[in-house]
Amino acid sequence: MDWTRRALLAGTALGFSGCLSAGRSNVTYPETATETAVDEPLVDAETATPDDEERKPQRTETTVPNPQLATEVEQVYGEIEWFATDYDASIETYRRTLGHAMATVQRVRDAAEFDASSLELVRRATDRAIATAQVELGGHFGIPGQMRDEIDAHVETIRRFGSRGDLDRIDVELERLYDYLEGIRSDLFVRRVLSDRQIDARLYRHLHDDTPDSTDDGDDEDDEALPGLFEIYHSAEYAGYAYGGPRYIEREPFGDDAGNDENEGLELLARQRTHFDAVSEPAGRTGFAYLVSYAIPPAESQPTDFDPLDYDHTSLFVQRYDDVTAAGDAVGTLFDTGVGREGVYSFGRDRWHRVYYDADGDVTYAFLIQAGPFVLVAAPSEVAWEERVGWTDPLDRVWLWRP
């Protein structure tokens, strides 16, 4: 569920004079003080003394705010951006090279004879397919290693029976190799195993905390982490799920199902824009992503008709900038132009600003941090930070909680 004022405990009295739910907000944001640089006195180069030289400001490298978090966000955002911009071309190259390997295997099968050169043709074609899979998909899926093991086993069998002159057995193994290549090239395999819509690969592992969930007896040695479900959207108009559970999610992510008149995903995407427009700063930005994290139960407790929106969820907004300086400038602009801040809050090891701002006429409370070239805003809600109850559940399985 999304946090609204209705989520507050019954009977809580709000002593505000004015209405925040209609029209413009009546909240006055505090002015953010800015530091004014003090001009250094100019010194003539010809009359400068050694003391003057020592007093000159020294050039220093830009400090990276929250470097460990920046590294983790780079991994997450980089994966999301790869799926948004490079995935389609990489899959096309992968499938094309597999098609060439299949054609080579079939050509060897159709030949009247089989010799060492025939085996070499098969080996070169399959090696090329494995190398292509490594280049195009190896950093994102585990398919290249599995391909190597499977193909090596087939080629070794072909070599062994070739040395014995058993052409019938060679033909059987070539057929098996062909069927394997056809299988990992198929639409079904790509859609389920190499999916860009329901991803159970490196992106999921980067996003998920992976902390084992402890049992009542205190023995969590064999415990696995509860599953996580993350709905993602990139500014290149890509949408998908990162999910490691057994259920296949029927609802298209973030409104991709254009033919659905009651498109809950489209409504969810519109809500992200409402939540985050006021903390969106395009100057110097190279792209952004929305991430919705769901607090779902273990697999055995999930219904067959699995709908993400049945569960508590909250959002994260990631903006990437040209560099650390540009990200810092973006934060400064936000604080100077309508984003108030009041204290800090610790997500895991990192301390985030508690911020508030006007979002479509209502005051929204959230958390903001700069991490290297990234600016993150998390958990927007109309409920103030100190009045929320059990609000971190959807975030407990996100990497932000890693020590």
Protein backbone atom coordinates (compact mmCIF):
# COMPACT_ATOMS: atom_id res chain seq x y z
CA MET A 1 0.00 0.00 0.00
CA ASP A 2 1.01 3.64 -0.39
CA TRP A 3 1.23 5.75 2.73
CA THR A 4 -1.52 8.35 3.04
CA ARG A 5 -2.88 10.27 5.98
CA ARG A 6 -5.49 7.54 6.36
CA ALA A 7 -2.65 5.22 7.43
CA LEU A 8 -2.22 7.11 10.69
CA LEU A 9 -3.52 5.53 13.88
CA ALA A 10 -7.19 6.29 14.50
CA GLY A 11 -7.80 9.21 16.80
CA THR A 12 -4.59 11.11 16.01
CA ALA A 13 -5.33 14.83 16.09
CA LEU A 14 -3.64 17.10 13.57
CA GLY A 15 -3.44 20.67 14.82
CA PHE A 16 -3.02 22.39 11.46
CA SER A 17 -5.10 25.42 10.52
CA GLY A 18 -5.55 25.13 6.79
CA CYS A 19 -6.15 22.45 4.17
CA LEU A 20 -3.31 20.53 2.56
CA SER A 21 -5.50 18.31 0.41
CA ALA A 22 -6.91 20.93 -1.96
CA GLY A 23 -5.20 23.52 -4.08
CA ARG A 24 -1.74 24.72 -3.21
CA SER A 25 -0.03 23.78 0.03
CA ASN A 26 -0.08 26.27 2.91
CA VAL A 27 3.36 25.15 4.11
CA THR A 28 6.10 27.78 4.02
CA TYR A 29 9.46 26.24 3.27
CA PRO A 30 12.48 27.60 5.15
CA GLU A 31 15.06 29.45 3.15
CA THR A 32 18.22 27.41 2.81
CA ALA A 33 21.32 29.35 3.79
CA THR A 34 24.07 29.30 1.23
CA GLU A 35 27.71 29.91 1.81
CA THR A 36 29.21 33.00 0.15
CA ALA A 37 32.74 32.66 -1.08
CA VAL A 38 35.20 35.25 0.23
CA ASP A 39 37.33 36.74 -2.53
CA GLU A 40 41.04 36.22 -2.03
CA PRO A 41 43.13 39.41 -2.44
CA LEU A 42 44.96 39.53 -5.72
CA VAL A 43 48.76 39.30 -5.51
CA ASP A 44 51.03 40.56 -8.23
CA ALA A 45 53.10 37.65 -9.51
CA GLU A 46 56.24 39.77 -9.61
CA THR A 47 55.96 40.97 -5.98
CA ALA A 48 54.73 37.72 -4.44
CA THR A 49 56.67 36.49 -1.43
CA PRO A 50 57.12 32.87 -0.23
CA ASP A 51 54.53 33.57 2.47
CA ASP A 52 52.10 34.73 -0.20
CA GLU A 53 52.66 31.50 -2.09
CA GLU A 54 51.87 29.43 0.99
CA ARG A 55 48.64 31.36 1.53
CA LYS A 56 47.38 30.65 -1.97
CA PRO A 57 44.46 28.15 -1.99
CA GLN A 58 45.59 24.68 -2.99
CA ARG A 59 43.78 22.64 -5.63
CA THR A 60 42.10 19.62 -4.09
CA GLU A 61 40.32 16.68 -5.65
CA THR A 62 36.54 16.59 -5.41
CA THR A 63 35.44 14.56 -2.40
CA VAL A 64 33.03 11.74 -3.27
CA PRO A 65 30.06 11.78 -0.88
CA ASN A 66 29.14 8.33 0.47
CA PRO A 67 31.56 6.38 -1.76
CA GLN A 68 30.44 2.87 -0.78
CA LEU A 69 26.82 3.70 -1.49
CA ALA A 70 27.90 5.33 -4.77
CA THR A 71 29.58 2.08 -5.84
CA GLU A 72 26.47 0.06 -5.01
CA VAL A 73 24.17 2.49 -6.80
CA GLU A 74 26.48 2.40 -9.83
CA GLN A 75 26.02 -1.38 -9.98
CA VAL A 76 22.24 -1.14 -9.69
CA TYR A 77 21.74 1.82 -11.99
CA GLY A 78 24.24 0.48 -14.52
CA GLU A 79 22.28 -2.77 -14.79
CA ILE A 80 18.97 -0.96 -15.15
CA GLU A 81 20.44 1.29 -17.85
CA TRP A 82 21.89 -1.71 -19.70
CA PHE A 83 18.48 -3.33 -19.88
CA ALA A 84 17.01 0.01 -20.99
CA THR A 85 19.54 0.79 -23.73
CA ASP A 86 21.66 -2.26 -24.73
CA TYR A 87 19.62 -5.39 -24.00
CA ASP A 88 17.74 -5.65 -27.32
CA ALA A 89 20.87 -5.33 -29.46
CA SER A 90 22.82 -7.76 -27.27
CA ILE A 91 20.08 -10.41 -27.46
CA GLU A 92 19.88 -10.00 -31.23
CA THR A 93 23.66 -10.50 -31.58
CA TYR A 94 23.57 -13.51 -29.24
CA ARG A 95 20.77 -15.19 -31.19
CA ARG A 96 22.37 -14.44 -34.57
CA THR A 97 25.67 -16.06 -33.55
CA LEU A 98 23.84 -19.10 -32.20
CA GLY A 99 22.03 -19.35 -35.53
CA HIS A 100 25.39 -19.45 -37.34
CA ALA A 101 26.60 -22.21 -35.00
CA MET A 102 23.42 -24.22 -35.62
CA ALA A 103 23.90 -23.88 -39.39
CA THR A 104 27.48 -25.16 -39.07
CA VAL A 105 26.41 -28.17 -37.01
CA GLN A 106 23.69 -29.01 -39.53
CA ARG A 107 26.13 -28.67 -42.45
CA VAL A 108 28.53 -31.12 -40.76
CA ARG A 109 25.64 -33.54 -40.14
CA ASP A 110 24.62 -33.38 -43.80
CA ALA A 111 28.14 -34.10 -45.09
CA ALA A 112 28.90 -37.59 -46.37
CA GLU A 113 32.04 -37.89 -44.25
CA PHE A 114 33.26 -36.78 -40.82
CA ASP A 115 36.92 -36.10 -40.02
CA ALA A 116 39.13 -33.86 -37.86
CA SER A 117 38.35 -30.80 -39.98
CA SER A 118 34.63 -31.41 -39.44
CA LEU A 119 35.14 -31.43 -35.70
CA GLU A 120 37.20 -28.25 -35.96
CA LEU A 121 34.35 -26.49 -37.81
CA VAL A 122 31.98 -27.38 -34.99
CA ARG A 123 34.46 -26.30 -32.35
CA ARG A 124 35.17 -22.91 -33.95
CA ALA A 125 31.47 -22.14 -34.47
CA THR A 126 30.49 -23.04 -30.91
CA ASP A 127 33.50 -21.22 -29.43
CA ARG A 128 32.41 -18.13 -31.33
CA ALA A 129 28.90 -18.48 -29.90
CA ILE A 130 30.24 -18.79 -26.35
CA ALA A 131 32.57 -15.80 -26.79
CA THR A 132 29.69 -13.70 -28.13
CA ALA A 133 27.48 -14.68 -25.20
CA GLN A 134 30.28 -13.68 -22.83
CA VAL A 135 30.73 -10.28 -24.43
CA GLU A 136 27.04 -9.48 -24.88
CA LEU A 137 25.44 -11.13 -21.83
CA GLY A 138 28.20 -12.34 -19.52
CA GLY A 139 28.09 -9.36 -17.19
CA HIS A 140 24.34 -9.69 -16.73
CA PHE A 141 23.35 -13.38 -17.00
CA GLY A 142 25.06 -16.65 -16.15
CA ILE A 143 24.52 -18.22 -19.57
CA PRO A 144 28.15 -18.22 -20.89
CA GLY A 145 29.47 -20.56 -18.20
CA GLN A 146 26.55 -22.92 -18.60
CA MET A 147 27.03 -22.87 -22.40
CA ARG A 148 30.71 -23.74 -22.05
CA ASP A 149 30.04 -26.76 -19.84
CA GLU A 150 27.23 -28.10 -22.02
CA ILE A 151 28.93 -27.55 -25.38
CA ASP A 152 32.28 -28.94 -24.19
CA ALA A 153 30.52 -32.14 -23.11
CA HIS A 154 28.94 -32.56 -26.56
CA VAL A 155 32.14 -31.78 -28.46
CA GLU A 156 34.18 -34.18 -26.32
CA THR A 157 31.66 -36.94 -26.98
CA ILE A 158 31.83 -36.24 -30.72
CA ARG A 159 35.64 -36.34 -30.60
CA ARG A 160 35.68 -39.62 -28.66
CA PHE A 161 33.35 -41.46 -31.04
CA GLY A 162 35.06 -39.86 -34.03
CA SER A 163 38.32 -41.49 -32.99
CA ARG A 164 36.46 -44.82 -33.05
CA GLY A 165 34.88 -44.23 -36.45
CA ASP A 166 31.35 -44.53 -34.99
CA LEU A 167 29.51 -42.27 -37.43
CA ASP A 168 26.04 -43.17 -36.19
CA ARG A 169 26.90 -42.11 -32.62
CA ILE A 170 28.51 -38.92 -33.96
CA ASP A 171 25.30 -38.08 -35.80
CA VAL A 172 23.25 -38.57 -32.62
CA GLU A 173 25.55 -36.25 -30.66
CA LEU A 174 25.55 -33.60 -33.37
CA GLU A 175 21.75 -33.70 -33.30
CA ARG A 176 21.79 -33.26 -29.52
CA LEU A 177 24.18 -30.34 -29.82
CA TYR A 178 21.93 -28.76 -32.46
CA ASP A 179 18.87 -29.19 -30.22
CA TYR A 180 20.69 -27.60 -27.29
CA LEU A 181 21.71 -24.56 -29.36
CA GLU A 182 18.18 -24.25 -30.68
CA GLY A 183 16.80 -24.41 -27.15
CA ILE A 184 18.94 -21.58 -25.72
CA ARG A 185 18.15 -19.50 -28.82
CA SER A 186 14.39 -19.97 -28.61
CA ASP A 187 11.86 -17.25 -27.82
CA LEU A 188 10.74 -19.17 -24.73
CA PHE A 189 14.27 -19.41 -23.31
CA VAL A 190 14.96 -15.73 -23.90
CA ARG A 191 11.59 -14.73 -22.45
CA ARG A 192 11.98 -16.81 -19.28
CA VAL A 193 15.74 -17.17 -18.62
CA LEU A 194 17.20 -14.11 -20.35
CA SER A 195 14.18 -11.91 -19.65
CA ASP A 196 14.25 -8.12 -19.54
CA ARG A 197 10.78 -8.04 -18.02
CA GLN A 198 11.07 -10.49 -15.12
CA ILE A 199 14.75 -10.53 -14.25
CA ASP A 200 16.27 -13.17 -11.98
CA ALA A 201 19.89 -12.32 -12.68
CA ARG A 202 22.64 -9.97 -11.55
CA LEU A 203 20.31 -6.98 -11.27
CA TYR A 204 18.15 -8.84 -8.75
CA ARG A 205 21.19 -9.82 -6.70
CA HIS A 206 22.44 -6.21 -6.66
CA LEU A 207 19.05 -4.96 -5.50
CA HIS A 208 18.31 -7.59 -2.88
CA ASP A 209 19.77 -7.53 0.62
CA ASP A 210 20.23 -11.35 0.73
CA THR A 211 20.30 -11.28 4.53
CA PRO A 212 18.95 -14.61 5.92
CA ASP A 213 15.69 -14.27 7.82
CA SER A 214 16.14 -15.57 11.37
CA THR A 215 13.90 -18.28 12.82
CA ASP A 216 12.23 -18.31 16.22
CA ASP A 217 14.81 -20.72 17.64
CA GLY A 218 17.59 -18.34 16.69
CA ASP A 219 19.17 -20.83 14.25
CA ASP A 220 19.34 -19.11 10.89
CA GLU A 221 22.28 -21.06 9.47
CA ASP A 222 20.17 -22.70 6.75
CA ASP A 223 17.73 -19.84 6.31
CA GLU A 224 17.39 -18.09 3.00
CA ALA A 225 16.50 -14.46 2.55
CA LEU A 226 12.85 -13.75 1.86
CA PRO A 227 12.16 -13.07 -1.82
CA GLY A 228 12.25 -9.52 -3.07
CA LEU A 229 10.19 -7.94 -5.81
CA PHE A 230 11.27 -4.71 -7.49
CA GLU A 231 9.48 -2.85 -10.26
CA ILE A 232 11.82 -0.63 -12.25
CA TYR A 233 11.49 2.14 -14.80
CA HIS A 234 14.26 3.96 -16.68
CA SER A 235 14.00 7.34 -18.36
CA ALA A 236 14.71 5.66 -21.71
CA GLU A 237 11.11 4.36 -21.33
CA TYR A 238 12.08 0.88 -20.22
CA ALA A 239 10.08 -0.98 -17.57
CA GLY A 240 10.59 -4.36 -15.93
CA TYR A 241 10.60 -6.45 -12.75
CA ALA A 242 13.56 -7.81 -10.81
CA TYR A 243 12.26 -10.86 -8.98
CA GLY A 244 13.69 -14.13 -7.67
CA GLY A 245 10.53 -16.06 -6.74
CA PRO A 246 8.64 -18.93 -8.37
CA ARG A 247 5.54 -17.01 -9.47
CA TYR A 248 5.28 -15.51 -12.94
CA ILE A 249 3.92 -11.97 -12.75
CA GLU A 250 1.09 -11.46 -15.20
CA ARG A 251 0.75 -7.68 -14.88
CA GLU A 252 3.04 -5.83 -17.25
CA PRO A 253 5.46 -3.54 -15.40
CA PHE A 254 4.79 0.18 -15.09
CA GLY A 255 2.01 0.33 -17.66
CA ASP A 256 3.53 -1.53 -20.63
CA ASP A 257 0.17 -3.19 -21.36
CA ALA A 258 -1.25 -0.48 -23.62
CA GLY A 259 -4.37 -2.53 -24.43
CA ASN A 260 -5.50 -2.74 -20.81
CA ASP A 261 -8.21 -0.18 -20.04
CA GLU A 262 -7.65 -0.59 -16.28
CA ASN A 263 -3.90 -0.28 -16.36
CA GLU A 264 -2.69 -0.33 -12.75
CA GLY A 265 0.92 -0.17 -13.89
CA LEU A 266 0.26 3.05 -15.78
CA GLU A 267 -1.37 4.53 -12.68
CA LEU A 268 1.65 3.50 -10.61
CA LEU A 269 4.01 5.23 -13.06
CA ALA A 270 1.92 8.41 -12.91
CA ARG A 271 2.17 8.29 -9.12
CA GLN A 272 5.99 8.20 -9.29
CA ARG A 273 5.97 11.35 -11.38
CA THR A 274 3.71 13.06 -8.87
CA HIS A 275 5.89 11.90 -5.95
CA PHE A 276 9.21 12.94 -7.46
CA ASP A 277 8.69 15.86 -9.87
CA ALA A 278 9.52 18.39 -7.15
CA VAL A 279 12.88 16.68 -6.42
CA SER A 280 13.74 16.18 -10.09
CA GLU A 281 16.63 18.36 -11.29
CA PRO A 282 17.47 17.90 -15.01
CA ALA A 283 20.51 20.20 -15.19
CA GLY A 284 23.58 18.02 -15.73
CA ARG A 285 21.54 14.81 -15.47
CA THR A 286 22.24 11.87 -17.78
CA GLY A 287 19.21 9.78 -16.81
CA PHE A 288 17.00 8.61 -13.97
CA ALA A 289 15.15 5.55 -12.71
CA TYR A 290 12.16 4.79 -10.50
CA LEU A 291 12.28 1.73 -8.29
CA VAL A 292 9.25 0.38 -6.40
CA SER A 293 10.07 -2.21 -3.74
CA TYR A 294 7.36 -4.61 -2.55
CA ALA A 295 7.14 -6.37 0.82
CA ILE A 296 5.96 -9.79 -0.38
CA PRO A 297 5.65 -12.99 1.72
CA PRO A 298 7.62 -16.23 1.24
CA ALA A 299 6.74 -18.27 -1.84
CA GLU A 300 4.60 -20.78 0.05
CA SER A 301 2.38 -17.95 1.28
CA GLN A 302 1.87 -16.33 -2.10
CA PRO A 303 -1.40 -16.84 -4.00
CA THR A 304 -1.38 -18.34 -7.48
CA ASP A 305 -2.70 -15.13 -9.02
CA PHE A 306 0.24 -13.06 -7.86
CA ASP A 307 -0.39 -9.30 -8.05
CA PRO A 308 2.39 -7.02 -6.77
CA LEU A 309 -0.01 -4.24 -5.81
CA ASP A 310 -1.62 -6.52 -3.21
CA TYR A 311 1.40 -5.86 -0.98
CA ASP A 312 2.94 -2.90 0.81
CA HIS A 313 5.34 -0.99 -1.41
CA THR A 314 7.40 2.17 -1.44
CA SER A 315 9.50 4.01 -3.97
CA LEU A 316 13.07 5.10 -4.68
CA PHE A 317 14.11 7.74 -7.21
CA VAL A 318 17.67 7.59 -8.61
CA GLN A 319 19.10 10.44 -10.70
CA ARG A 320 22.51 10.12 -12.35
CA TYR A 321 24.55 13.22 -13.21
CA ASP A 322 27.61 13.92 -15.33
CA ASP A 323 29.88 13.83 -12.29
CA VAL A 324 30.04 14.36 -8.54
CA THR A 325 30.10 18.15 -8.89
CA ALA A 326 27.00 18.20 -11.08
CA ALA A 327 25.16 15.99 -8.57
CA GLY A 328 26.19 18.32 -5.73
CA ASP A 329 24.97 21.31 -7.72
CA ALA A 330 21.64 19.55 -8.27
CA VAL A 331 21.22 18.99 -4.53
CA GLY A 332 22.04 22.64 -3.88
CA THR A 333 19.49 23.74 -6.45
CA LEU A 334 16.80 21.58 -4.88
CA PHE A 335 17.48 22.96 -1.41
CA ASP A 336 17.43 26.51 -2.77
CA THR A 337 14.20 26.14 -4.75
CA GLY A 338 11.49 24.59 -2.61
CA VAL A 339 12.82 21.46 -0.91
CA GLY A 340 12.97 21.88 2.86
CA ARG A 341 15.07 19.71 5.16
CA GLU A 342 14.79 18.87 8.79
CA GLY A 343 17.35 16.60 10.43
CA VAL A 344 18.74 13.27 9.20
CA TYR A 345 17.78 9.59 9.22
CA SER A 346 19.98 6.49 8.98
CA PHE A 347 19.28 3.90 6.30
CA GLY A 348 21.73 1.17 7.23
CA ARG A 349 25.16 2.81 7.48
CA ASP A 350 24.26 6.01 5.59
CA ARG A 351 22.68 9.22 6.91
CA TRP A 352 20.00 10.74 4.65
CA HIS A 353 18.45 14.21 4.80
CA ARG A 354 14.83 14.28 5.93
CA VAL A 355 13.20 16.46 3.27
CA TYR A 356 9.74 17.79 2.50
CA TYR A 357 8.25 19.52 -0.51
CA ASP A 358 5.02 20.32 -2.32
CA ALA A 359 3.77 17.51 -4.59
CA ASP A 360 0.63 18.35 -6.53
CA GLY A 361 -0.75 20.51 -3.72
CA ASP A 362 0.13 18.21 -0.83
CA VAL A 363 3.15 18.20 1.45
CA THR A 364 5.28 15.11 0.79
CA TYR A 365 7.93 13.85 3.23
CA ALA A 366 10.88 11.78 2.00
CA PHE A 367 14.62 11.11 2.44
CA LEU A 368 17.43 12.40 0.19
CA ILE A 369 21.12 11.62 -0.16
CA GLN A 370 23.94 12.26 -2.63
CA ALA A 371 26.17 9.29 -3.42
CA GLY A 372 28.94 10.17 -5.86
CA PRO A 373 27.29 11.26 -9.14
CA PHE A 374 23.88 10.04 -7.95
CA VAL A 375 21.08 11.73 -6.03
CA LEU A 376 18.60 9.37 -4.35
CA VAL A 377 15.19 10.17 -2.89
CA ALA A 378 13.39 7.43 -0.95
CA ALA A 379 10.01 6.63 0.60
CA PRO A 380 7.85 9.64 -0.36
CA SER A 381 4.67 9.92 1.70
CA GLU A 382 2.09 12.42 2.89
CA VAL A 383 2.73 11.05 6.38
CA ALA A 384 5.51 12.87 8.22
CA TRP A 385 8.62 10.89 9.09
CA GLU A 386 7.97 10.79 12.85
CA GLU A 387 4.33 9.69 12.44
CA ARG A 388 4.88 6.64 10.22
CA VAL A 389 4.16 3.13 11.51
CA GLY A 390 5.93 0.03 10.12
CA TRP A 391 6.89 1.94 7.01
CA THR A 392 10.27 0.30 6.36
CA ASP A 393 8.92 -3.20 5.56
CA PRO A 394 9.06 -2.74 1.76
CA LEU A 395 12.65 -1.45 2.07
CA ASP A 396 13.99 -4.14 4.39
CA ARG A 397 15.14 -6.32 1.48
CA VAL A 398 16.79 -3.55 -0.53
CA TRP A 399 20.59 -3.30 -0.63
CA LEU A 400 20.41 0.02 1.27
CA TRP A 401 20.19 -1.97 4.50
CA ARG A 402 23.46 -3.86 3.91
CA PRO A 403 26.10 -3.13 6.56
